[in-house]
Amino acid sequence: MTKPSPKDMALAQQARLAAVVMCAAIVGWVVLGWIGRDYGWDPRYAFLIDFAALAGFAFALIVTFRVWRARANRR
């Protein structure tokens, strides 16, 4: 088996970053929503949490798309 090229390693690192951001967004969204509901936070904080999660998902989607296109162009 051959050693992966530096470009392959960089793409794998970007894919891992996207996965970590998605996991953090999901866990943060659920946990902060639960905490906010239990402590009676103002609803505007719920919107702030939702928008932060959406920003994380958008970032992960863009990174994943870029990795997918880079791998498709290499073939």
PDB file of N, CA and C in Angstrom:
ATOM      1  N   MET A   1       0.847  -1.172   0.000  1.00  0.00           N
ATOM      2  CA  MET A   1       0.000   0.000   0.000  1.00  0.00           C
ATOM      3  C   MET A   1       0.892   1.235   0.000  1.00  0.00           C
ATOM      4  N   THR A   2       0.522   2.213  -0.790  1.00  0.00           N
ATOM      5  CA  THR A   2       1.335   3.416  -0.895  1.00  0.00           C
ATOM      6  C   THR A   2       0.921   4.435   0.153  1.00  0.00           C
ATOM      7  N   LYS A   3       1.860   5.287   0.464  1.00  0.00           N
ATOM      8  CA  LYS A   3       1.604   6.348   1.439  1.00  0.00           C
ATOM      9  C   LYS A   3       0.760   7.433   0.780  1.00  0.00           C
ATOM     10  N   PRO A   4      -0.246   7.955   1.490  1.00  0.00           N
ATOM     11  CA  PRO A   4      -1.073   9.023   0.906  1.00  0.00           C
ATOM     12  C   PRO A   4      -0.235  10.279   0.647  1.00  0.00           C
ATOM     13  N   SER A   5      -0.612  10.983  -0.407  1.00  0.00           N
ATOM     14  CA  SER A   5       0.101  12.213  -0.741  1.00  0.00           C
ATOM     15  C   SER A   5      -0.262  13.316   0.264  1.00  0.00           C
ATOM     16  N   PRO A   6       0.547  14.361   0.307  1.00  0.00           N
ATOM     17  CA  PRO A   6       0.215  15.490   1.212  1.00  0.00           C
ATOM     18  C   PRO A   6      -1.146  16.121   0.900  1.00  0.00           C
ATOM     19  N   LYS A   7      -1.529  16.147  -0.377  1.00  0.00           N
ATOM     20  CA  LYS A   7      -2.846  16.699  -0.725  1.00  0.00           C
ATOM     21  C   LYS A   7      -3.966  15.818  -0.193  1.00  0.00           C
ATOM     22  N   ASP A   8      -3.766  14.492  -0.266  1.00  0.00           N
ATOM     23  CA  ASP A   8      -4.769  13.586   0.295  1.00  0.00           C
ATOM     24  C   ASP A   8      -4.876  13.761   1.805  1.00  0.00           C
ATOM     25  N   MET A   9      -3.752  13.934   2.456  1.00  0.00           N
ATOM     26  CA  MET A   9      -3.753  14.139   3.906  1.00  0.00           C
ATOM     27  C   MET A   9      -4.461  15.449   4.265  1.00  0.00           C
ATOM     28  N   ALA A  10      -4.227  16.490   3.477  1.00  0.00           N
ATOM     29  CA  ALA A  10      -4.874  17.784   3.732  1.00  0.00           C
ATOM     30  C   ALA A  10      -6.386  17.669   3.544  1.00  0.00           C
ATOM     31  N   LEU A  11      -6.822  16.945   2.515  1.00  0.00           N
ATOM     32  CA  LEU A  11      -8.253  16.757   2.292  1.00  0.00           C
ATOM     33  C   LEU A  11      -8.881  15.954   3.424  1.00  0.00           C
ATOM     34  N   ALA A  12      -8.173  14.946   3.898  1.00  0.00           N
ATOM     35  CA  ALA A  12      -8.682  14.152   5.022  1.00  0.00           C
ATOM     36  C   ALA A  12      -8.794  15.008   6.280  1.00  0.00           C
ATOM     37  N   GLN A  13      -7.837  15.890   6.487  1.00  0.00           N
ATOM     38  CA  GLN A  13      -7.884  16.777   7.652  1.00  0.00           C
ATOM     39  C   GLN A  13      -9.074  17.734   7.556  1.00  0.00           C
ATOM     40  N   GLN A  14      -9.343  18.239   6.359  1.00  0.00           N
ATOM     41  CA  GLN A  14     -10.494  19.117   6.182  1.00  0.00           C
ATOM     42  C   GLN A  14     -11.804  18.362   6.408  1.00  0.00           C
ATOM     43  N   ALA A  15     -11.868  17.122   5.960  1.00  0.00           N
ATOM     44  CA  ALA A  15     -13.068  16.317   6.171  1.00  0.00           C
ATOM     45  C   ALA A  15     -13.275  16.052   7.663  1.00  0.00           C
ATOM     46  N   ARG A  16     -12.195  15.793   8.383  1.00  0.00           N
ATOM     47  CA  ARG A  16     -12.309  15.600   9.834  1.00  0.00           C
ATOM     48  C   ARG A  16     -12.776  16.881  10.516  1.00  0.00           C
ATOM     49  N   LEU A  17     -12.269  18.020  10.072  1.00  0.00           N
ATOM     50  CA  LEU A  17     -12.701  19.301  10.630  1.00  0.00           C
ATOM     51  C   LEU A  17     -14.202  19.491  10.427  1.00  0.00           C
ATOM     52  N   ALA A  18     -14.690  19.179   9.235  1.00  0.00           N
ATOM     53  CA  ALA A  18     -16.124  19.307   8.967  1.00  0.00           C
ATOM     54  C   ALA A  18     -16.923  18.391   9.884  1.00  0.00           C
ATOM     55  N   ALA A  19     -16.437  17.171  10.103  1.00  0.00           N
ATOM     56  CA  ALA A  19     -17.132  16.232  10.988  1.00  0.00           C
ATOM     57  C   ALA A  19     -17.160  16.735  12.427  1.00  0.00           C
ATOM     58  N   VAL A  20     -16.051  17.275  12.897  1.00  0.00           N
ATOM     59  CA  VAL A  20     -15.994  17.794  14.267  1.00  0.00           C
ATOM     60  C   VAL A  20     -16.923  18.988  14.436  1.00  0.00           C
ATOM     61  N   VAL A  21     -16.960  19.863  13.438  1.00  0.00           N
ATOM     62  CA  VAL A  21     -17.842  21.034  13.513  1.00  0.00           C
ATOM     63  C   VAL A  21     -19.299  20.594  13.526  1.00  0.00           C
ATOM     64  N   MET A  22     -19.660  19.604  12.701  1.00  0.00           N
ATOM     65  CA  MET A  22     -21.041  19.115  12.701  1.00  0.00           C
ATOM     66  C   MET A  22     -21.413  18.517  14.057  1.00  0.00           C
ATOM     67  N   CYS A  23     -20.533  17.704  14.613  1.00  0.00           N
ATOM     68  CA  CYS A  23     -20.806  17.087  15.919  1.00  0.00           C
ATOM     69  C   CYS A  23     -20.925  18.149  17.009  1.00  0.00           C
ATOM     70  N   ALA A  24     -20.027  19.114  17.008  1.00  0.00           N
ATOM     71  CA  ALA A  24     -20.075  20.173  18.017  1.00  0.00           C
ATOM     72  C   ALA A  24     -21.343  21.008  17.871  1.00  0.00           C
ATOM     73  N   ALA A  25     -21.753  21.278  16.631  1.00  0.00           N
ATOM     74  CA  ALA A  25     -22.969  22.060  16.411  1.00  0.00           C
ATOM     75  C   ALA A  25     -24.194  21.312  16.909  1.00  0.00           C
ATOM     76  N   ILE A  26     -24.259  20.024  16.630  1.00  0.00           N
ATOM     77  CA  ILE A  26     -25.416  19.236  17.062  1.00  0.00           C
ATOM     78  C   ILE A  26     -25.472  19.155  18.588  1.00  0.00           C
ATOM     79  N   VAL A  27     -24.346  18.800  19.198  1.00  0.00           N
ATOM     80  CA  VAL A  27     -24.318  18.648  20.659  1.00  0.00           C
ATOM     81  C   VAL A  27     -24.577  19.993  21.336  1.00  0.00           C
ATOM     82  N   GLY A  28     -23.928  21.048  20.861  1.00  0.00           N
ATOM     83  CA  GLY A  28     -24.134  22.371  21.443  1.00  0.00           C
ATOM     84  C   GLY A  28     -25.560  22.853  21.301  1.00  0.00           C
ATOM     85  N   TRP A  29     -26.148  22.601  20.141  1.00  0.00           N
ATOM     86  CA  TRP A  29     -27.527  23.022  19.889  1.00  0.00           C
ATOM     87  C   TRP A  29     -28.490  22.331  20.846  1.00  0.00           C
ATOM     88  N   VAL A  30     -28.335  21.016  20.981  1.00  0.00           N
ATOM     89  CA  VAL A  30     -29.236  20.256  21.850  1.00  0.00           C
ATOM     90  C   VAL A  30     -29.021  20.631  23.319  1.00  0.00           C
ATOM     91  N   VAL A  31     -27.763  20.665  23.743  1.00  0.00           N
ATOM     92  CA  VAL A  31     -27.473  20.928  25.158  1.00  0.00           C
ATOM     93  C   VAL A  31     -27.872  22.353  25.540  1.00  0.00           C
ATOM     94  N   LEU A  32     -27.499  23.322  24.742  1.00  0.00           N
ATOM     95  CA  LEU A  32     -27.855  24.710  25.075  1.00  0.00           C
ATOM     96  C   LEU A  32     -29.361  24.947  24.995  1.00  0.00           C
ATOM     97  N   GLY A  33     -30.030  24.284  24.052  1.00  0.00           N
ATOM     98  CA  GLY A  33     -31.491  24.390  23.998  1.00  0.00           C
ATOM     99  C   GLY A  33     -32.141  23.812  25.234  1.00  0.00           C
ATOM    100  N   TRP A  34     -31.622  22.689  25.697  1.00  0.00           N
ATOM    101  CA  TRP A  34     -32.152  22.049  26.900  1.00  0.00           C
ATOM    102  C   TRP A  34     -31.897  22.925  28.132  1.00  0.00           C
ATOM    103  N   ILE A  35     -30.684  23.448  28.246  1.00  0.00           N
ATOM    104  CA  ILE A  35     -30.355  24.307  29.383  1.00  0.00           C
ATOM    105  C   ILE A  35     -31.211  25.573  29.364  1.00  0.00           C
ATOM    106  N   GLY A  36     -31.345  26.171  28.191  1.00  0.00           N
ATOM    107  CA  GLY A  36     -32.146  27.381  28.076  1.00  0.00           C
ATOM    108  C   GLY A  36     -33.599  27.164  28.435  1.00  0.00           C
ATOM    109  N   ARG A  37     -34.137  26.018  28.044  1.00  0.00           N
ATOM    110  CA  ARG A  37     -35.522  25.712  28.383  1.00  0.00           C
ATOM    111  C   ARG A  37     -35.680  25.488  29.885  1.00  0.00           C
ATOM    112  N   ASP A  38     -34.724  24.790  30.492  1.00  0.00           N
ATOM    113  CA  ASP A  38     -34.826  24.517  31.932  1.00  0.00           C
ATOM    114  C   ASP A  38     -34.652  25.767  32.788  1.00  0.00           C
ATOM    115  N   TYR A  39     -33.815  26.684  32.343  1.00  0.00           N
ATOM    116  CA  TYR A  39     -33.565  27.885  33.135  1.00  0.00           C
ATOM    117  C   TYR A  39     -34.408  29.079  32.696  1.00  0.00           C
ATOM    118  N   GLY A  40     -35.267  28.880  31.723  1.00  0.00           N
ATOM    119  CA  GLY A  40     -36.179  29.928  31.308  1.00  0.00           C
ATOM    120  C   GLY A  40     -35.514  31.105  30.614  1.00  0.00           C
ATOM    121  N   TRP A  41     -34.501  30.816  29.784  1.00  0.00           N
ATOM    122  CA  TRP A  41     -33.851  31.897  29.042  1.00  0.00           C
ATOM    123  C   TRP A  41     -34.836  32.566  28.099  1.00  0.00           C
ATOM    124  N   ASP A  42     -34.553  33.804  27.788  1.00  0.00           N
ATOM    125  CA  ASP A  42     -35.355  34.573  26.847  1.00  0.00           C
ATOM    126  C   ASP A  42     -35.354  33.873  25.482  1.00  0.00           C
ATOM    127  N   PRO A  43     -36.474  33.887  24.755  1.00  0.00           N
ATOM    128  CA  PRO A  43     -36.526  33.208  23.449  1.00  0.00           C
ATOM    129  C   PRO A  43     -35.513  33.728  22.432  1.00  0.00           C
ATOM    130  N   ARG A  44     -35.063  34.953  22.588  1.00  0.00           N
ATOM    131  CA  ARG A  44     -34.080  35.467  21.629  1.00  0.00           C
ATOM    132  C   ARG A  44     -32.768  34.683  21.716  1.00  0.00           C
ATOM    133  N   TYR A  45     -32.475  34.121  22.905  1.00  0.00           N
ATOM    134  CA  TYR A  45     -31.279  33.296  23.026  1.00  0.00           C
ATOM    135  C   TYR A  45     -31.448  31.976  22.285  1.00  0.00           C
ATOM    136  N   ALA A  46     -32.669  31.481  22.222  1.00  0.00           N
ATOM    137  CA  ALA A  46     -32.935  30.269  21.446  1.00  0.00           C
ATOM    138  C   ALA A  46     -32.659  30.528  19.970  1.00  0.00           C
ATOM    139  N   PHE A  47     -33.064  31.692  19.474  1.00  0.00           N
ATOM    140  CA  PHE A  47     -32.774  32.037  18.084  1.00  0.00           C
ATOM    141  C   PHE A  47     -31.275  32.184  17.861  1.00  0.00           C
ATOM    142  N   LEU A  48     -30.589  32.755  18.808  1.00  0.00           N
ATOM    143  CA  LEU A  48     -29.136  32.897  18.698  1.00  0.00           C
ATOM    144  C   LEU A  48     -28.460  31.530  18.639  1.00  0.00           C
ATOM    145  N   ILE A  49     -28.903  30.612  19.481  1.00  0.00           N
ATOM    146  CA  ILE A  49     -28.358  29.250  19.474  1.00  0.00           C
ATOM    147  C   ILE A  49     -28.666  28.567  18.145  1.00  0.00           C
ATOM    148  N   ASP A  50     -29.891  28.731  17.645  1.00  0.00           N
ATOM    149  CA  ASP A  50     -30.267  28.132  16.361  1.00  0.00           C
ATOM    150  C   ASP A  50     -29.415  28.682  15.224  1.00  0.00           C
ATOM    151  N   PHE A  51     -29.205  29.985  15.206  1.00  0.00           N
ATOM    152  CA  PHE A  51     -28.404  30.575  14.137  1.00  0.00           C
ATOM    153  C   PHE A  51     -26.939  30.167  14.226  1.00  0.00           C
ATOM    154  N   ALA A  52     -26.422  30.005  15.437  1.00  0.00           N
ATOM    155  CA  ALA A  52     -25.048  29.524  15.587  1.00  0.00           C
ATOM    156  C   ALA A  52     -24.922  28.100  15.068  1.00  0.00           C
ATOM    157  N   ALA A  53     -25.905  27.260  15.352  1.00  0.00           N
ATOM    158  CA  ALA A  53     -25.886  25.895  14.841  1.00  0.00           C
ATOM    159  C   ALA A  53     -25.988  25.894  13.314  1.00  0.00           C
ATOM    160  N   LEU A  54     -26.846  26.745  12.770  1.00  0.00           N
ATOM    161  CA  LEU A  54     -26.957  26.836  11.309  1.00  0.00           C
ATOM    162  C   LEU A  54     -25.648  27.303  10.677  1.00  0.00           C
ATOM    163  N   ALA A  55     -24.965  28.222  11.320  1.00  0.00           N
ATOM    164  CA  ALA A  55     -23.676  28.675  10.805  1.00  0.00           C
ATOM    165  C   ALA A  55     -22.664  27.532  10.812  1.00  0.00           C
ATOM    166  N   GLY A  56     -22.657  26.730  11.861  1.00  0.00           N
ATOM    167  CA  GLY A  56     -21.770  25.572  11.908  1.00  0.00           C
ATOM    168  C   GLY A  56     -22.095  24.570  10.822  1.00  0.00           C
ATOM    169  N   PHE A  57     -23.391  24.310  10.610  1.00  0.00           N
ATOM    170  CA  PHE A  57     -23.789  23.380   9.555  1.00  0.00           C
ATOM    171  C   PHE A  57     -23.434  23.921   8.170  1.00  0.00           C
ATOM    172  N   ALA A  58     -23.608  25.217   7.956  1.00  0.00           N
ATOM    173  CA  ALA A  58     -23.254  25.810   6.669  1.00  0.00           C
ATOM    174  C   ALA A  58     -21.752  25.712   6.422  1.00  0.00           C
ATOM    175  N   PHE A  59     -20.962  25.984   7.446  1.00  0.00           N
ATOM    176  CA  PHE A  59     -19.516  25.854   7.321  1.00  0.00           C
ATOM    177  C   PHE A  59     -19.130  24.426   6.959  1.00  0.00           C
ATOM    178  N   ALA A  60     -19.703  23.460   7.663  1.00  0.00           N
ATOM    179  CA  ALA A  60     -19.390  22.055   7.407  1.00  0.00           C
ATOM    180  C   ALA A  60     -19.839  21.639   6.010  1.00  0.00           C
ATOM    181  N   LEU A  61     -20.974  22.135   5.567  1.00  0.00           N
ATOM    182  CA  LEU A  61     -21.450  21.815   4.223  1.00  0.00           C
ATOM    183  C   LEU A  61     -20.509  22.367   3.158  1.00  0.00           C
ATOM    184  N   ILE A  62     -20.060  23.591   3.341  1.00  0.00           N
ATOM    185  CA  ILE A  62     -19.147  24.201   2.372  1.00  0.00           C
ATOM    186  C   ILE A  62     -17.819  23.454   2.343  1.00  0.00           C
ATOM    187  N   VAL A  63     -17.279  23.125   3.491  1.00  0.00           N
ATOM    188  CA  VAL A  63     -16.010  22.392   3.550  1.00  0.00           C
ATOM    189  C   VAL A  63     -16.166  21.006   2.920  1.00  0.00           C
ATOM    190  N   THR A  64     -17.262  20.325   3.221  1.00  0.00           N
ATOM    191  CA  THR A  64     -17.491  19.002   2.650  1.00  0.00           C
ATOM    192  C   THR A  64     -17.623  19.070   1.139  1.00  0.00           C
ATOM    193  N   PHE A  65     -18.319  20.082   0.636  1.00  0.00           N
ATOM    194  CA  PHE A  65     -18.450  20.246  -0.810  1.00  0.00           C
ATOM    195  C   PHE A  65     -17.099  20.504  -1.455  1.00  0.00           C
ATOM    196  N   ARG A  66     -16.268  21.337  -0.818  1.00  0.00           N
ATOM    197  CA  ARG A  66     -14.938  21.617  -1.362  1.00  0.00           C
ATOM    198  C   ARG A  66     -14.068  20.367  -1.385  1.00  0.00           C
ATOM    199  N   VAL A  67     -14.153  19.541  -0.338  1.00  0.00           N
ATOM    200  CA  VAL A  67     -13.387  18.293  -0.310  1.00  0.00           C
ATOM    201  C   VAL A  67     -13.873  17.357  -1.405  1.00  0.00           C
ATOM    202  N   TRP A  68     -15.173  17.253  -1.557  1.00  0.00           N
ATOM    203  CA  TRP A  68     -15.745  16.389  -2.585  1.00  0.00           C
ATOM    204  C   TRP A  68     -15.306  16.819  -3.983  1.00  0.00           C
ATOM    205  N   ARG A  69     -15.348  18.136  -4.253  1.00  0.00           N
ATOM    206  CA  ARG A  69     -14.936  18.642  -5.572  1.00  0.00           C
ATOM    207  C   ARG A  69     -13.441  18.432  -5.791  1.00  0.00           C
ATOM    208  N   ALA A  70     -12.639  18.618  -4.767  1.00  0.00           N
ATOM    209  CA  ALA A  70     -11.194  18.433  -4.915  1.00  0.00           C
ATOM    210  C   ALA A  70     -10.862  16.967  -5.211  1.00  0.00           C
ATOM    211  N   ARG A  71     -11.550  16.057  -4.561  1.00  0.00           N
ATOM    212  CA  ARG A  71     -11.300  14.627  -4.834  1.00  0.00           C
ATOM    213  C   ARG A  71     -11.821  14.234  -6.209  1.00  0.00           C
ATOM    214  N   ALA A  72     -12.924  14.822  -6.631  1.00  0.00           N
ATOM    215  CA  ALA A  72     -13.454  14.516  -7.951  1.00  0.00           C
ATOM    216  C   ALA A  72     -12.531  15.046  -9.042  1.00  0.00           C
ATOM    217  N   ASN A  73     -11.919  16.185  -8.814  1.00  0.00           N
ATOM    218  CA  ASN A  73     -11.013  16.772  -9.816  1.00  0.00           C
ATOM    219  C   ASN A  73      -9.702  16.033  -9.903  1.00  0.00           C
ATOM    220  N   ARG A  74      -9.327  15.311  -8.860  1.00  0.00           N
ATOM    221  CA  ARG A  74      -8.058  14.575  -8.863  1.00  0.00           C
ATOM    222  C   ARG A  74      -8.139  13.298  -9.678  1.00  0.00           C
ATOM    223  N   ARG A  75      -9.331  12.812  -9.948  1.00  0.00           N
ATOM    224  CA  ARG A  75      -9.483  11.550 -10.681  1.00  0.00           C
ATOM    225  C   ARG A  75      -9.462  11.742 -12.149  1.00  0.00           C
TER     226      ARG A  75
END
